Protein backbone atom coordinates (compact mmCIF):
# COMPACT_ATOMS: atom_id res chain seq x y z
CA MET A 1 62.75 95.54 125.39
CA SER A 2 62.90 94.69 121.74
CA SER A 3 65.35 92.36 120.19
CA HIS A 4 64.96 93.29 116.56
CA ARG A 5 67.99 94.41 114.52
CA LEU A 6 70.49 93.14 117.05
CA PHE A 7 73.61 91.44 115.54
CA GLY A 8 76.75 89.89 116.88
CA ARG A 9 77.44 87.44 119.52
CA GLN A 10 77.20 88.40 123.22
CA LEU A 11 80.12 85.88 124.19
CA SER A 12 79.01 85.93 127.89
CA ARG A 13 80.61 89.60 128.21
CA ASP A 14 79.16 92.94 128.89
CA SER A 15 79.56 95.46 125.86
CA GLU A 16 82.82 97.12 126.83
CA HIS A 17 84.62 93.81 127.54
CA ARG A 18 83.29 92.39 124.22
CA LYS A 19 84.58 95.47 122.30
CA ALA A 20 87.96 95.38 124.04
CA MET A 21 88.43 91.71 123.31
CA ARG A 22 87.46 92.06 119.63
CA ARG A 23 89.83 95.02 119.28
CA ASN A 24 92.67 93.11 120.95
CA LEU A 25 92.18 89.93 118.84
CA VAL A 26 92.03 92.00 115.67
CA GLN A 27 95.32 93.83 116.56
CA SER A 28 96.90 90.43 117.44
CA LEU A 29 95.77 89.03 114.08
CA PHE A 30 97.35 91.98 112.21
CA GLU A 31 100.58 91.79 114.34
CA HIS A 32 101.12 88.09 114.00
CA GLY A 33 99.18 87.09 110.90
CA LYS A 34 97.20 84.37 112.80
CA VAL A 35 95.63 84.01 116.18
CA ARG A 36 94.39 80.87 118.05
CA THR A 37 90.90 81.31 119.60
CA THR A 38 87.47 79.79 119.84
CA TYR A 39 85.11 79.44 116.96
CA PRO A 40 82.49 81.92 117.99
CA LYS A 41 85.22 84.50 118.71
CA ALA A 42 86.90 83.92 115.49
CA LYS A 43 83.77 84.45 113.54
CA GLU A 44 83.20 87.82 115.35
CA VAL A 45 86.70 88.90 114.86
CA LYS A 46 86.81 87.89 111.17
CA ALA A 47 84.03 90.36 110.30
CA MET A 48 85.73 93.14 112.02
CA ALA A 49 89.24 92.38 110.53
CA GLU A 50 87.78 92.23 106.99
CA ARG A 51 86.07 95.57 107.49
CA LEU A 52 89.27 97.19 108.57
CA ILE A 53 91.32 95.66 105.77
CA THR A 54 88.84 97.03 103.18
CA LEU A 55 89.11 100.53 104.88
CA ALA A 56 92.80 100.22 104.81
CA ARG A 57 92.92 99.37 101.05
CA ARG A 58 91.60 102.94 100.34
CA ASN A 59 94.71 104.41 101.95
CA THR A 60 93.32 107.85 102.58
CA LEU A 61 93.55 109.93 105.73
CA LEU A 62 89.86 109.46 106.59
CA ALA A 63 90.38 105.65 106.25
CA ARG A 64 93.42 105.74 108.59
CA ARG A 65 91.46 107.92 111.14
CA ARG A 66 88.50 105.45 111.22
CA VAL A 67 90.86 102.51 111.54
CA ILE A 68 92.56 104.21 114.43
CA ALA A 69 89.26 105.19 116.10
CA THR A 70 88.15 101.62 115.93
CA LEU A 71 91.38 99.96 117.08
CA GLN A 72 92.93 102.32 119.45
CA ASP A 73 96.30 101.68 118.01
CA ARG A 74 99.23 99.96 119.85
CA ARG A 75 102.87 99.72 119.13
CA LEU A 76 104.55 96.60 117.87
CA THR A 77 107.36 94.70 119.64
CA ASP A 78 109.94 92.22 118.61
CA GLU A 79 110.97 88.89 120.17
CA ASP A 80 112.86 90.63 122.87
CA GLN A 81 109.79 92.82 123.74
CA GLU A 82 111.52 96.02 122.48
CA PHE A 83 109.40 98.37 120.54
CA THR A 84 109.98 98.28 116.89
CA GLY A 85 108.84 101.86 116.10
CA GLN A 86 105.88 100.64 114.18
CA SER A 87 102.30 100.45 115.22
CA VAL A 88 99.48 98.04 114.31
CA VAL A 89 97.76 100.59 112.01
CA GLN A 90 101.04 101.42 110.21
CA LYS A 91 101.62 97.70 109.66
CA LEU A 92 98.09 97.34 108.37
CA PHE A 93 98.38 100.21 105.93
CA THR A 94 101.89 99.52 104.71
CA ASP A 95 102.22 95.68 104.74
CA ILE A 96 98.79 94.03 104.94
CA ALA A 97 96.43 96.05 102.76
CA PRO A 98 98.72 96.35 99.68
CA LYS A 99 98.76 92.47 99.63
CA PHE A 100 95.00 92.42 99.20
CA ALA A 101 94.83 95.20 96.54
CA ASP A 102 93.56 92.94 93.82
CA ARG A 103 91.15 90.99 96.18
CA HIS A 104 87.54 91.83 96.97
CA GLY A 105 86.91 90.48 100.33
CA GLY A 106 87.78 87.14 101.80
CA TYR A 107 91.05 88.18 103.49
CA THR A 108 90.97 85.73 106.33
CA ARG A 109 90.29 82.09 106.90
CA ILE A 110 89.14 79.94 109.80
CA ILE A 111 90.91 76.61 110.24
CA LYS A 112 89.20 74.27 112.66
CA LEU A 113 91.56 72.19 114.90
CA SER A 114 90.92 68.96 116.35
CA ASP A 115 91.65 69.92 119.93
CA PHE A 116 89.27 71.40 122.48
CA ARG A 117 89.87 73.76 125.36
CA ILE A 118 90.50 71.84 128.59
CA GLY A 119 88.31 73.96 130.90
CA ASP A 120 85.02 73.95 129.10
CA GLY A 121 85.60 71.95 125.83
CA GLY A 122 85.34 74.99 123.57
CA ASN A 123 86.26 74.28 119.87
CA ILE A 124 89.63 75.73 119.11
CA VAL A 125 90.36 77.28 115.67
CA ILE A 126 93.14 79.40 113.98
CA LEU A 127 92.02 82.57 112.40
CA GLN A 128 94.65 83.70 109.89
CA LEU A 129 95.08 86.22 107.18
CA LEU A 130 95.50 84.80 103.72
CA THR A 131 98.91 86.36 103.37
CA GLU A 132 100.22 83.45 105.73
CA GLU A 133 101.81 80.70 103.65
CA SER A 134 100.86 77.98 106.05
CA ALA A 135 97.69 76.79 104.26
CA PRO A 136 96.15 73.50 105.51
CA LYS A 137 97.93 70.61 103.77
CA ALA A 138 95.88 68.02 101.86
CA ARG A 139 96.95 64.45 102.16
CA SER A 140 99.11 63.32 99.32
CA ALA A 141 98.33 60.41 97.07
CA ALA A 142 101.25 58.41 98.52
CA ALA A 143 100.06 58.83 102.07
CA PRO A 144 96.83 56.65 101.87
CA ALA A 145 98.91 53.95 100.11
CA ALA A 146 101.60 54.12 102.85
CA ALA A 147 99.03 53.92 105.62
CA ALA A 148 97.31 51.00 103.94
CA SER A 149 100.53 49.03 103.67
CA ALA A 150 101.43 49.76 107.32
CA THR A 151 97.99 48.41 108.45
CA SER A 152 98.36 45.36 106.35
CA ALA A 153 101.87 44.61 107.68
CA ALA A 154 100.49 44.99 111.12
CA THR A 155 97.59 42.52 110.51
CA ASN A 156 100.04 39.85 109.07
CA LEU A 157 101.98 39.58 112.49
CA PRO A 158 101.84 36.12 114.08
CA ARG A 159 99.41 36.00 116.86
CA ARG A 160 100.28 35.09 120.41
CA PRO A 161 98.71 31.88 121.69
């Protein structure tokens, strides 16, 4: 068997499970704006999500049918688990894609977190759409000065005999 022209990660799953997992993660990303997962899964899902957003930006019937065929659309629910009357594809075409109308790619970001999964130590990341306002915050100029003064105050404490 030849391994030429194969792309994508196997992720320790058979092909149907891999497709279903990718589809579910993309729908959760479009539904919630961000999703917490492992780094390899996020890299796989990012590519699929960006392709679907690019399709949705066209806003044609053909694009809508291709997105539905890829995602196998599901209905959205609110906090009380009641159906809102909207589906993931409708949200993609009406809310998400218009926000990226002036952007050519790069609709998502992967933010690496400092924690690891307990069971196997997998790297945990947040995959989020760039419409989310919760960008990673840089440390302000006052923060290092405050941290330095706190450490110097701690070192000036009298020592116990």
